[in-house]
Amino acid sequence: GLVKPWQTLSLTCIVSGESIWTYPYY
């Protein structure tokens, strides 16, 4: 929830109910 300036923000999206390799989704 908090990141210091000049650092790298890393966020992850957890997906359920659909495979992220399923055509035609982005």
mmCIF file of all heavy atoms, coordinates in Angstrom:
data_MODEL
# 
_entry.id   MODEL 
# 
loop_
_atom_site.group_PDB 
_atom_site.id 
_atom_site.type_symbol 
_atom_site.label_atom_id 
_atom_site.label_alt_id 
_atom_site.label_comp_id 
_atom_site.label_asym_id 
_atom_site.label_entity_id 
_atom_site.label_seq_id 
_atom_site.pdbx_PDB_ins_code 
_atom_site.Cartn_x 
_atom_site.Cartn_y 
_atom_site.Cartn_z 
_atom_site.occupancy 
_atom_site.B_iso_or_equiv 
_atom_site.pdbx_formal_charge 
_atom_site.auth_seq_id 
_atom_site.auth_comp_id 
_atom_site.auth_asym_id 
_atom_site.auth_atom_id 
_atom_site.pdbx_PDB_model_num 
ATOM 1   N N   . GLY A 1 1  ? 0.791   -1.210  0.000   1.00 0.00 ? 1  GLY A N   1 
ATOM 2   C CA  . GLY A 1 1  ? 0.000   0.000   0.000   1.00 0.00 ? 1  GLY A CA  1 
ATOM 3   C C   . GLY A 1 1  ? 0.829   1.269   0.000   1.00 0.00 ? 1  GLY A C   1 
ATOM 4   O O   . GLY A 1 1  ? 0.308   2.352   -0.273  1.00 0.00 ? 1  GLY A O   1 
ATOM 5   N N   . LEU A 1 2  ? 2.117   1.137   0.296   1.00 0.00 ? 2  LEU A N   1 
ATOM 6   C CA  . LEU A 1 2  ? 2.997   2.292   0.396   1.00 0.00 ? 2  LEU A CA  1 
ATOM 7   C C   . LEU A 1 2  ? 4.335   1.954   -0.240  1.00 0.00 ? 2  LEU A C   1 
ATOM 8   O O   . LEU A 1 2  ? 4.929   0.915   0.054   1.00 0.00 ? 2  LEU A O   1 
ATOM 9   C CB  . LEU A 1 2  ? 3.193   2.686   1.861   1.00 0.00 ? 2  LEU A CB  1 
ATOM 10  C CG  . LEU A 1 2  ? 4.102   3.885   2.144   1.00 0.00 ? 2  LEU A CG  1 
ATOM 11  C CD1 . LEU A 1 2  ? 3.494   5.163   1.587   1.00 0.00 ? 2  LEU A CD1 1 
ATOM 12  C CD2 . LEU A 1 2  ? 4.335   4.025   3.640   1.00 0.00 ? 2  LEU A CD2 1 
ATOM 13  N N   . VAL A 1 3  ? 4.809   2.830   -1.107  1.00 0.00 ? 3  VAL A N   1 
ATOM 14  C CA  . VAL A 1 3  ? 6.088   2.661   -1.787  1.00 0.00 ? 3  VAL A CA  1 
ATOM 15  C C   . VAL A 1 3  ? 6.846   3.984   -1.706  1.00 0.00 ? 3  VAL A C   1 
ATOM 16  O O   . VAL A 1 3  ? 6.264   5.048   -1.875  1.00 0.00 ? 3  VAL A O   1 
ATOM 17  C CB  . VAL A 1 3  ? 5.908   2.250   -3.258  1.00 0.00 ? 3  VAL A CB  1 
ATOM 18  C CG1 . VAL A 1 3  ? 7.261   1.984   -3.903  1.00 0.00 ? 3  VAL A CG1 1 
ATOM 19  C CG2 . VAL A 1 3  ? 5.027   1.016   -3.361  1.00 0.00 ? 3  VAL A CG2 1 
ATOM 20  N N   . LYS A 1 4  ? 8.133   3.897   -1.484  1.00 0.00 ? 4  LYS A N   1 
ATOM 21  C CA  . LYS A 1 4  ? 8.950   5.101   -1.422  1.00 0.00 ? 4  LYS A CA  1 
ATOM 22  C C   . LYS A 1 4  ? 9.317   5.585   -2.821  1.00 0.00 ? 4  LYS A C   1 
ATOM 23  O O   . LYS A 1 4  ? 9.444   4.789   -3.755  1.00 0.00 ? 4  LYS A O   1 
ATOM 24  C CB  . LYS A 1 4  ? 10.220  4.839   -0.612  1.00 0.00 ? 4  LYS A CB  1 
ATOM 25  C CG  . LYS A 1 4  ? 9.966   4.576   0.857   1.00 0.00 ? 4  LYS A CG  1 
ATOM 26  C CD  . LYS A 1 4  ? 11.269  4.348   1.610   1.00 0.00 ? 4  LYS A CD  1 
ATOM 27  C CE  . LYS A 1 4  ? 11.015  4.148   3.089   1.00 0.00 ? 4  LYS A CE  1 
ATOM 28  N NZ  . LYS A 1 4  ? 12.272  3.929   3.842   1.00 0.00 ? 4  LYS A NZ  1 
ATOM 29  N N   . PRO A 1 5  ? 9.494   6.894   -2.985  1.00 0.00 ? 5  PRO A N   1 
ATOM 30  C CA  . PRO A 1 5  ? 9.914   7.417   -4.297  1.00 0.00 ? 5  PRO A CA  1 
ATOM 31  C C   . PRO A 1 5  ? 11.183  6.751   -4.793  1.00 0.00 ? 5  PRO A C   1 
ATOM 32  O O   . PRO A 1 5  ? 12.080  6.424   -4.004  1.00 0.00 ? 5  PRO A O   1 
ATOM 33  C CB  . PRO A 1 5  ? 10.136  8.902   -4.031  1.00 0.00 ? 5  PRO A CB  1 
ATOM 34  C CG  . PRO A 1 5  ? 9.234   9.212   -2.881  1.00 0.00 ? 5  PRO A CG  1 
ATOM 35  C CD  . PRO A 1 5  ? 9.259   7.976   -2.011  1.00 0.00 ? 5  PRO A CD  1 
ATOM 36  N N   . TRP A 1 6  ? 11.227  6.564   -6.104  1.00 0.00 ? 6  TRP A N   1 
ATOM 37  C CA  . TRP A 1 6  ? 12.357  5.990   -6.840  1.00 0.00 ? 6  TRP A CA  1 
ATOM 38  C C   . TRP A 1 6  ? 12.436  4.471   -6.721  1.00 0.00 ? 6  TRP A C   1 
ATOM 39  O O   . TRP A 1 6  ? 13.273  3.857   -7.394  1.00 0.00 ? 6  TRP A O   1 
ATOM 40  C CB  . TRP A 1 6  ? 13.691  6.637   -6.444  1.00 0.00 ? 6  TRP A CB  1 
ATOM 41  C CG  . TRP A 1 6  ? 13.592  8.119   -6.268  1.00 0.00 ? 6  TRP A CG  1 
ATOM 42  C CD1 . TRP A 1 6  ? 13.911  8.832   -5.168  1.00 0.00 ? 6  TRP A CD1 1 
ATOM 43  C CD2 . TRP A 1 6  ? 13.130  9.068   -7.233  1.00 0.00 ? 6  TRP A CD2 1 
ATOM 44  N NE1 . TRP A 1 6  ? 13.675  10.160  -5.369  1.00 0.00 ? 6  TRP A NE1 1 
ATOM 45  C CE2 . TRP A 1 6  ? 13.190  10.341  -6.635  1.00 0.00 ? 6  TRP A CE2 1 
ATOM 46  C CE3 . TRP A 1 6  ? 12.666  8.976   -8.543  1.00 0.00 ? 6  TRP A CE3 1 
ATOM 47  C CZ2 . TRP A 1 6  ? 12.797  11.502  -7.294  1.00 0.00 ? 6  TRP A CZ2 1 
ATOM 48  C CZ3 . TRP A 1 6  ? 12.266  10.134  -9.197  1.00 0.00 ? 6  TRP A CZ3 1 
ATOM 49  C CH2 . TRP A 1 6  ? 12.344  11.376  -8.568  1.00 0.00 ? 6  TRP A CH2 1 
ATOM 50  N N   . GLN A 1 7  ? 11.592  3.881   -5.917  1.00 0.00 ? 7  GLN A N   1 
ATOM 51  C CA  . GLN A 1 7  ? 11.542  2.431   -5.845  1.00 0.00 ? 7  GLN A CA  1 
ATOM 52  C C   . GLN A 1 7  ? 10.651  1.860   -6.944  1.00 0.00 ? 7  GLN A C   1 
ATOM 53  O O   . GLN A 1 7  ? 10.028  2.589   -7.710  1.00 0.00 ? 7  GLN A O   1 
ATOM 54  C CB  . GLN A 1 7  ? 11.039  1.984   -4.469  1.00 0.00 ? 7  GLN A CB  1 
ATOM 55  C CG  . GLN A 1 7  ? 11.999  2.270   -3.337  1.00 0.00 ? 7  GLN A CG  1 
ATOM 56  C CD  . GLN A 1 7  ? 11.541  1.680   -2.016  1.00 0.00 ? 7  GLN A CD  1 
ATOM 57  O OE1 . GLN A 1 7  ? 10.345  1.486   -1.788  1.00 0.00 ? 7  GLN A OE1 1 
ATOM 58  N NE2 . GLN A 1 7  ? 12.494  1.386   -1.141  1.00 0.00 ? 7  GLN A NE2 1 
ATOM 59  N N   . THR A 1 8  ? 10.601  0.548   -7.007  1.00 0.00 ? 8  THR A N   1 
ATOM 60  C CA  . THR A 1 8  ? 9.758   -0.155  -7.959  1.00 0.00 ? 8  THR A CA  1 
ATOM 61  C C   . THR A 1 8  ? 8.508   -0.672  -7.267  1.00 0.00 ? 8  THR A C   1 
ATOM 62  O O   . THR A 1 8  ? 8.598   -1.351  -6.244  1.00 0.00 ? 8  THR A O   1 
ATOM 63  C CB  . THR A 1 8  ? 10.501  -1.333  -8.605  1.00 0.00 ? 8  THR A CB  1 
ATOM 64  O OG1 . THR A 1 8  ? 11.606  -0.845  -9.367  1.00 0.00 ? 8  THR A OG1 1 
ATOM 65  C CG2 . THR A 1 8  ? 9.584   -2.129  -9.523  1.00 0.00 ? 8  THR A CG2 1 
ATOM 66  N N   . LEU A 1 9  ? 7.355   -0.335  -7.834  1.00 0.00 ? 9  LEU A N   1 
ATOM 67  C CA  . LEU A 1 9  ? 6.084   -0.867  -7.366  1.00 0.00 ? 9  LEU A CA  1 
ATOM 68  C C   . LEU A 1 9  ? 5.803   -2.178  -8.072  1.00 0.00 ? 9  LEU A C   1 
ATOM 69  O O   . LEU A 1 9  ? 5.826   -2.234  -9.307  1.00 0.00 ? 9  LEU A O   1 
ATOM 70  C CB  . LEU A 1 9  ? 4.961   0.130   -7.647  1.00 0.00 ? 9  LEU A CB  1 
ATOM 71  C CG  . LEU A 1 9  ? 3.528   -0.372  -7.461  1.00 0.00 ? 9  LEU A CG  1 
ATOM 72  C CD1 . LEU A 1 9  ? 3.258   -0.688  -5.995  1.00 0.00 ? 9  LEU A CD1 1 
ATOM 73  C CD2 . LEU A 1 9  ? 2.530   0.639   -7.999  1.00 0.00 ? 9  LEU A CD2 1 
ATOM 74  N N   . SER A 1 10 ? 5.533   -3.213  -7.307  1.00 0.00 ? 10 SER A N   1 
ATOM 75  C CA  . SER A 1 10 ? 5.156   -4.504  -7.865  1.00 0.00 ? 10 SER A CA  1 
ATOM 76  C C   . SER A 1 10 ? 3.778   -4.888  -7.355  1.00 0.00 ? 10 SER A C   1 
ATOM 77  O O   . SER A 1 10 ? 3.551   -4.948  -6.147  1.00 0.00 ? 10 SER A O   1 
ATOM 78  C CB  . SER A 1 10 ? 6.169   -5.584  -7.487  1.00 0.00 ? 10 SER A CB  1 
ATOM 79  O OG  . SER A 1 10 ? 7.422   -5.350  -8.096  1.00 0.00 ? 10 SER A OG  1 
ATOM 80  N N   . LEU A 1 11 ? 2.875   -5.137  -8.288  1.00 0.00 ? 11 LEU A N   1 
ATOM 81  C CA  . LEU A 1 11 ? 1.520   -5.569  -7.966  1.00 0.00 ? 11 LEU A CA  1 
ATOM 82  C C   . LEU A 1 11 ? 1.215   -6.853  -8.710  1.00 0.00 ? 11 LEU A C   1 
ATOM 83  O O   . LEU A 1 11 ? 1.584   -7.002  -9.878  1.00 0.00 ? 11 LEU A O   1 
ATOM 84  C CB  . LEU A 1 11 ? 0.491   -4.506  -8.357  1.00 0.00 ? 11 LEU A CB  1 
ATOM 85  C CG  . LEU A 1 11 ? 0.548   -3.168  -7.633  1.00 0.00 ? 11 LEU A CG  1 
ATOM 86  C CD1 . LEU A 1 11 ? -0.432  -2.195  -8.275  1.00 0.00 ? 11 LEU A CD1 1 
ATOM 87  C CD2 . LEU A 1 11 ? 0.241   -3.338  -6.154  1.00 0.00 ? 11 LEU A CD2 1 
ATOM 88  N N   . THR A 1 12 ? 0.520   -7.752  -8.055  1.00 0.00 ? 12 THR A N   1 
ATOM 89  C CA  . THR A 1 12 ? 0.140   -9.021  -8.645  1.00 0.00 ? 12 THR A CA  1 
ATOM 90  C C   . THR A 1 12 ? -1.379  -9.118  -8.706  1.00 0.00 ? 12 THR A C   1 
ATOM 91  O O   . THR A 1 12 ? -2.066  -8.721  -7.763  1.00 0.00 ? 12 THR A O   1 
ATOM 92  C CB  . THR A 1 12 ? 0.712   -10.191 -7.842  1.00 0.00 ? 12 THR A CB  1 
ATOM 93  O OG1 . THR A 1 12 ? 2.138   -10.167 -7.917  1.00 0.00 ? 12 THR A OG1 1 
ATOM 94  C CG2 . THR A 1 12 ? 0.216   -11.522 -8.387  1.00 0.00 ? 12 THR A CG2 1 
ATOM 95  N N   . CYS A 1 13 ? -1.876  -9.627  -9.809  1.00 0.00 ? 13 CYS A N   1 
ATOM 96  C CA  . CYS A 1 13 ? -3.296  -9.901  -9.963  1.00 0.00 ? 13 CYS A CA  1 
ATOM 97  C C   . CYS A 1 13 ? -3.503  -11.408 -9.921  1.00 0.00 ? 13 CYS A C   1 
ATOM 98  O O   . CYS A 1 13 ? -2.948  -12.138 -10.751 1.00 0.00 ? 13 CYS A O   1 
ATOM 99  C CB  . CYS A 1 13 ? -3.831  -9.335  -11.271 1.00 0.00 ? 13 CYS A CB  1 
ATOM 100 S SG  . CYS A 1 13 ? -5.620  -9.538  -11.478 1.00 0.00 ? 13 CYS A SG  1 
ATOM 101 N N   . ILE A 1 14 ? -4.298  -11.843 -8.980  1.00 0.00 ? 14 ILE A N   1 
ATOM 102 C CA  . ILE A 1 14 ? -4.616  -13.252 -8.812  1.00 0.00 ? 14 ILE A CA  1 
ATOM 103 C C   . ILE A 1 14 ? -5.936  -13.522 -9.519  1.00 0.00 ? 14 ILE A C   1 
ATOM 104 O O   . ILE A 1 14 ? -6.952  -12.908 -9.206  1.00 0.00 ? 14 ILE A O   1 
ATOM 105 C CB  . ILE A 1 14 ? -4.715  -13.622 -7.328  1.00 0.00 ? 14 ILE A CB  1 
ATOM 106 C CG1 . ILE A 1 14 ? -3.415  -13.247 -6.603  1.00 0.00 ? 14 ILE A CG1 1 
ATOM 107 C CG2 . ILE A 1 14 ? -5.025  -15.102 -7.159  1.00 0.00 ? 14 ILE A CG2 1 
ATOM 108 C CD1 . ILE A 1 14 ? -3.552  -13.168 -5.099  1.00 0.00 ? 14 ILE A CD1 1 
ATOM 109 N N   . VAL A 1 15 ? -5.914  -14.427 -10.474 1.00 0.00 ? 15 VAL A N   1 
ATOM 110 C CA  . VAL A 1 15 ? -7.081  -14.713 -11.301 1.00 0.00 ? 15 VAL A CA  1 
ATOM 111 C C   . VAL A 1 15 ? -7.609  -16.097 -10.970 1.00 0.00 ? 15 VAL A C   1 
ATOM 112 O O   . VAL A 1 15 ? -6.847  -17.060 -10.891 1.00 0.00 ? 15 VAL A O   1 
ATOM 113 C CB  . VAL A 1 15 ? -6.736  -14.630 -12.801 1.00 0.00 ? 15 VAL A CB  1 
ATOM 114 C CG1 . VAL A 1 15 ? -7.974  -14.930 -13.652 1.00 0.00 ? 15 VAL A CG1 1 
ATOM 115 C CG2 . VAL A 1 15 ? -6.161  -13.261 -13.146 1.00 0.00 ? 15 VAL A CG2 1 
ATOM 116 N N   . SER A 1 16 ? -8.910  -16.192 -10.798 1.00 0.00 ? 16 SER A N   1 
ATOM 117 C CA  . SER A 1 16 ? -9.574  -17.476 -10.614 1.00 0.00 ? 16 SER A CA  1 
ATOM 118 C C   . SER A 1 16 ? -10.780 -17.562 -11.535 1.00 0.00 ? 16 SER A C   1 
ATOM 119 O O   . SER A 1 16 ? -11.357 -16.550 -11.927 1.00 0.00 ? 16 SER A O   1 
ATOM 120 C CB  . SER A 1 16 ? -9.992  -17.679 -9.158  1.00 0.00 ? 16 SER A CB  1 
ATOM 121 O OG  . SER A 1 16 ? -10.921 -16.696 -8.744  1.00 0.00 ? 16 SER A OG  1 
ATOM 122 N N   . GLY A 1 17 ? -11.170 -18.770 -11.882 1.00 0.00 ? 17 GLY A N   1 
ATOM 123 C CA  . GLY A 1 17 ? -12.333 -18.982 -12.726 1.00 0.00 ? 17 GLY A CA  1 
ATOM 124 C C   . GLY A 1 17 ? -12.063 -18.910 -14.215 1.00 0.00 ? 17 GLY A C   1 
ATOM 125 O O   . GLY A 1 17 ? -12.968 -19.191 -15.015 1.00 0.00 ? 17 GLY A O   1 
ATOM 126 N N   . GLU A 1 18 ? -10.863 -18.517 -14.603 1.00 0.00 ? 18 GLU A N   1 
ATOM 127 C CA  . GLU A 1 18 ? -10.486 -18.438 -16.006 1.00 0.00 ? 18 GLU A CA  1 
ATOM 128 C C   . GLU A 1 18 ? -8.971  -18.505 -16.108 1.00 0.00 ? 18 GLU A C   1 
ATOM 129 O O   . GLU A 1 18 ? -8.273  -17.809 -15.371 1.00 0.00 ? 18 GLU A O   1 
ATOM 130 C CB  . GLU A 1 18 ? -10.998 -17.153 -16.645 1.00 0.00 ? 18 GLU A CB  1 
ATOM 131 C CG  . GLU A 1 18 ? -10.703 -17.026 -18.139 1.00 0.00 ? 18 GLU A CG  1 
ATOM 132 C CD  . GLU A 1 18 ? -11.486 -18.027 -18.957 1.00 0.00 ? 18 GLU A CD  1 
ATOM 133 O OE1 . GLU A 1 18 ? -12.676 -17.764 -19.256 1.00 0.00 ? 18 GLU A OE1 1 
ATOM 134 O OE2 . GLU A 1 18 ? -10.921 -19.089 -19.301 1.00 0.00 ? 18 GLU A OE2 1 
ATOM 135 N N   . SER A 1 19 ? -8.478  -19.326 -17.001 1.00 0.00 ? 19 SER A N   1 
ATOM 136 C CA  . SER A 1 19 ? -7.038  -19.410 -17.225 1.00 0.00 ? 19 SER A CA  1 
ATOM 137 C C   . SER A 1 19 ? -6.570  -18.199 -18.016 1.00 0.00 ? 19 SER A C   1 
ATOM 138 O O   . SER A 1 19 ? -7.208  -17.803 -18.995 1.00 0.00 ? 19 SER A O   1 
ATOM 139 C CB  . SER A 1 19 ? -6.687  -20.692 -17.982 1.00 0.00 ? 19 SER A CB  1 
ATOM 140 O OG  . SER A 1 19 ? -7.042  -21.833 -17.236 1.00 0.00 ? 19 SER A OG  1 
ATOM 141 N N   . ILE A 1 20 ? -5.459  -17.621 -17.615 1.00 0.00 ? 20 ILE A N   1 
ATOM 142 C CA  . ILE A 1 20 ? -5.001  -16.391 -18.251 1.00 0.00 ? 20 ILE A CA  1 
ATOM 143 C C   . ILE A 1 20 ? -4.441  -16.636 -19.647 1.00 0.00 ? 20 ILE A C   1 
ATOM 144 O O   . ILE A 1 20 ? -4.170  -15.672 -20.366 1.00 0.00 ? 20 ILE A O   1 
ATOM 145 C CB  . ILE A 1 20 ? -3.966  -15.644 -17.378 1.00 0.00 ? 20 ILE A CB  1 
ATOM 146 C CG1 . ILE A 1 20 ? -2.734  -16.513 -17.098 1.00 0.00 ? 20 ILE A CG1 1 
ATOM 147 C CG2 . ILE A 1 20 ? -4.618  -15.180 -16.081 1.00 0.00 ? 20 ILE A CG2 1 
ATOM 148 C CD1 . ILE A 1 20 ? -1.636  -15.777 -16.358 1.00 0.00 ? 20 ILE A CD1 1 
ATOM 149 N N   . TRP A 1 21 ? -4.308  -17.887 -20.038 1.00 0.00 ? 21 TRP A N   1 
ATOM 150 C CA  . TRP A 1 21 ? -3.873  -18.190 -21.400 1.00 0.00 ? 21 TRP A CA  1 
ATOM 151 C C   . TRP A 1 21 ? -5.038  -18.522 -22.335 1.00 0.00 ? 21 TRP A C   1 
ATOM 152 O O   . TRP A 1 21 ? -4.826  -18.973 -23.463 1.00 0.00 ? 21 TRP A O   1 
ATOM 153 C CB  . TRP A 1 21 ? -2.860  -19.345 -21.395 1.00 0.00 ? 21 TRP A CB  1 
ATOM 154 C CG  . TRP A 1 21 ? -3.349  -20.606 -20.742 1.00 0.00 ? 21 TRP A CG  1 
ATOM 155 C CD1 . TRP A 1 21 ? -4.014  -21.634 -21.331 1.00 0.00 ? 21 TRP A CD1 1 
ATOM 156 C CD2 . TRP A 1 21 ? -3.192  -20.959 -19.363 1.00 0.00 ? 21 TRP A CD2 1 
ATOM 157 N NE1 . TRP A 1 21 ? -4.287  -22.613 -20.410 1.00 0.00 ? 21 TRP A NE1 1 
ATOM 158 C CE2 . TRP A 1 21 ? -3.801  -22.228 -19.197 1.00 0.00 ? 21 TRP A CE2 1 
ATOM 159 C CE3 . TRP A 1 21 ? -2.602  -20.347 -18.264 1.00 0.00 ? 21 TRP A CE3 1 
ATOM 160 C CZ2 . TRP A 1 21 ? -3.833  -22.888 -17.961 1.00 0.00 ? 21 TRP A CZ2 1 
ATOM 161 C CZ3 . TRP A 1 21 ? -2.633  -21.000 -17.034 1.00 0.00 ? 21 TRP A CZ3 1 
ATOM 162 C CH2 . TRP A 1 21 ? -3.234  -22.248 -16.898 1.00 0.00 ? 21 TRP A CH2 1 
ATOM 163 N N   . THR A 1 22 ? -6.247  -18.274 -21.869 1.00 0.00 ? 22 THR A N   1 
ATOM 164 C CA  . THR A 1 22 ? -7.430  -18.564 -22.667 1.00 0.00 ? 22 THR A CA  1 
ATOM 165 C C   . THR A 1 22 ? -7.664  -17.486 -23.723 1.00 0.00 ? 22 THR A C   1 
ATOM 166 O O   . THR A 1 22 ? -7.784  -16.305 -23.405 1.00 0.00 ? 22 THR A O   1 
ATOM 167 C CB  . THR A 1 22 ? -8.667  -18.675 -21.764 1.00 0.00 ? 22 THR A CB  1 
ATOM 168 O OG1 . THR A 1 22 ? -8.474  -19.747 -20.839 1.00 0.00 ? 22 THR A OG1 1 
ATOM 169 C CG2 . THR A 1 22 ? -9.913  -18.964 -22.597 1.00 0.00 ? 22 THR A CG2 1 
ATOM 170 N N   . TYR A 1 23 ? -7.732  -17.905 -24.965 1.00 0.00 ? 23 TYR A N   1 
ATOM 171 C CA  . TYR A 1 23 ? -8.090  -17.023 -26.073 1.00 0.00 ? 23 TYR A CA  1 
ATOM 172 C C   . TYR A 1 23 ? -9.530  -16.583 -25.916 1.00 0.00 ? 23 TYR A C   1 
ATOM 173 O O   . TYR A 1 23 ? -10.401 -17.380 -25.559 1.00 0.00 ? 23 TYR A O   1 
ATOM 174 C CB  . TYR A 1 23 ? -7.885  -17.776 -27.389 1.00 0.00 ? 23 TYR A CB  1 
ATOM 175 C CG  . TYR A 1 23 ? -8.214  -16.988 -28.627 1.00 0.00 ? 23 TYR A CG  1 
ATOM 176 C CD1 . TYR A 1 23 ? -7.240  -16.226 -29.263 1.00 0.00 ? 23 TYR A CD1 1 
ATOM 177 C CD2 . TYR A 1 23 ? -9.500  -17.007 -29.160 1.00 0.00 ? 23 TYR A CD2 1 
ATOM 178 C CE1 . TYR A 1 23 ? -7.539  -15.508 -30.404 1.00 0.00 ? 23 TYR A CE1 1 
ATOM 179 C CE2 . TYR A 1 23 ? -9.807  -16.290 -30.307 1.00 0.00 ? 23 TYR A CE2 1 
ATOM 180 C CZ  . TYR A 1 23 ? -8.817  -15.542 -30.923 1.00 0.00 ? 23 TYR A CZ  1 
ATOM 181 O OH  . TYR A 1 23 ? -9.114  -14.831 -32.052 1.00 0.00 ? 23 TYR A OH  1 
ATOM 182 N N   . PRO A 1 24 ? -9.873  -15.305 -26.204 1.00 0.00 ? 24 PRO A N   1 
ATOM 183 C CA  . PRO A 1 24 ? -9.067  -14.211 -26.747 1.00 0.00 ? 24 PRO A CA  1 
ATOM 184 C C   . PRO A 1 24 ? -8.713  -13.132 -25.730 1.00 0.00 ? 24 PRO A C   1 
ATOM 185 O O   . PRO A 1 24 ? -8.516  -11.986 -26.113 1.00 0.00 ? 24 PRO A O   1 
ATOM 186 C CB  . PRO A 1 24 ? -10.023 -13.639 -27.796 1.00 0.00 ? 24 PRO A CB  1 
ATOM 187 C CG  . PRO A 1 24 ? -11.362 -13.698 -27.117 1.00 0.00 ? 24 PRO A CG  1 
ATOM 188 C CD  . PRO A 1 24 ? -11.320 -14.957 -26.259 1.00 0.00 ? 24 PRO A CD  1 
ATOM 189 N N   . TYR A 1 25 ? -8.635  -13.474 -24.474 1.00 0.00 ? 25 TYR A N   1 
ATOM 190 C CA  . TYR A 1 25 ? -8.575  -12.460 -23.430 1.00 0.00 ? 25 TYR A CA  1 
ATOM 191 C C   . TYR A 1 25 ? -7.210  -11.790 -23.281 1.00 0.00 ? 25 TYR A C   1 
ATOM 192 O O   . TYR A 1 25 ? -6.164  -12.398 -23.526 1.00 0.00 ? 25 TYR A O   1 
ATOM 193 C CB  . TYR A 1 25 ? -8.984  -13.065 -22.091 1.00 0.00 ? 25 TYR A CB  1 
ATOM 194 C CG  . TYR A 1 25 ? -10.401 -13.566 -22.083 1.00 0.00 ? 25 TYR A CG  1 
ATOM 195 C CD1 . TYR A 1 25 ? -10.669 -14.915 -21.886 1.00 0.00 ? 25 TYR A CD1 1 
ATOM 196 C CD2 . TYR A 1 25 ? -11.462 -12.704 -22.289 1.00 0.00 ? 25 TYR A CD2 1 
ATOM 197 C CE1 . TYR A 1 25 ? -11.968 -15.387 -21.892 1.00 0.00 ? 25 TYR A CE1 1 
ATOM 198 C CE2 . TYR A 1 25 ? -12.763 -13.167 -22.300 1.00 0.00 ? 25 TYR A CE2 1 
ATOM 199 C CZ  . TYR A 1 25 ? -13.009 -14.506 -22.100 1.00 0.00 ? 25 TYR A CZ  1 
ATOM 200 O OH  . TYR A 1 25 ? -14.305 -14.965 -22.111 1.00 0.00 ? 25 TYR A OH  1 
ATOM 201 N N   . TYR A 1 26 ? -7.276  -10.527 -22.879 1.00 0.00 ? 26 TYR A N   1 
ATOM 202 C CA  . TYR A 1 26 ? -6.117  -9.764  -22.457 1.00 0.00 ? 26 TYR A CA  1 
ATOM 203 C C   . TYR A 1 26 ? -6.284  -9.422  -20.985 1.00 0.00 ? 26 TYR A C   1 
ATOM 204 O O   . TYR A 1 26 ? -7.392  -9.162  -20.515 1.00 0.00 ? 26 TYR A O   1 
ATOM 205 C CB  . TYR A 1 26 ? -5.978  -8.464  -23.260 1.00 0.00 ? 26 TYR A CB  1 
ATOM 206 C CG  . TYR A 1 26 ? -5.425  -8.628  -24.647 1.00 0.00 ? 26 TYR A CG  1 
ATOM 207 C CD1 . TYR A 1 26 ? -6.132  -9.318  -25.620 1.00 0.00 ? 26 TYR A CD1 1 
ATOM 208 C CD2 . TYR A 1 26 ? -4.193  -8.070  -24.996 1.00 0.00 ? 26 TYR A CD2 1 
ATOM 209 C CE1 . TYR A 1 26 ? -5.628  -9.475  -26.896 1.00 0.00 ? 26 TYR A CE1 1 
ATOM 210 C CE2 . TYR A 1 26 ? -3.688  -8.212  -26.277 1.00 0.00 ? 26 TYR A CE2 1 
ATOM 211 C CZ  . TYR A 1 26 ? -4.415  -8.914  -27.221 1.00 0.00 ? 26 TYR A CZ  1 
ATOM 212 O OH  . TYR A 1 26 ? -3.911  -9.045  -28.486 1.00 0.00 ? 26 TYR A OH  1 
# 
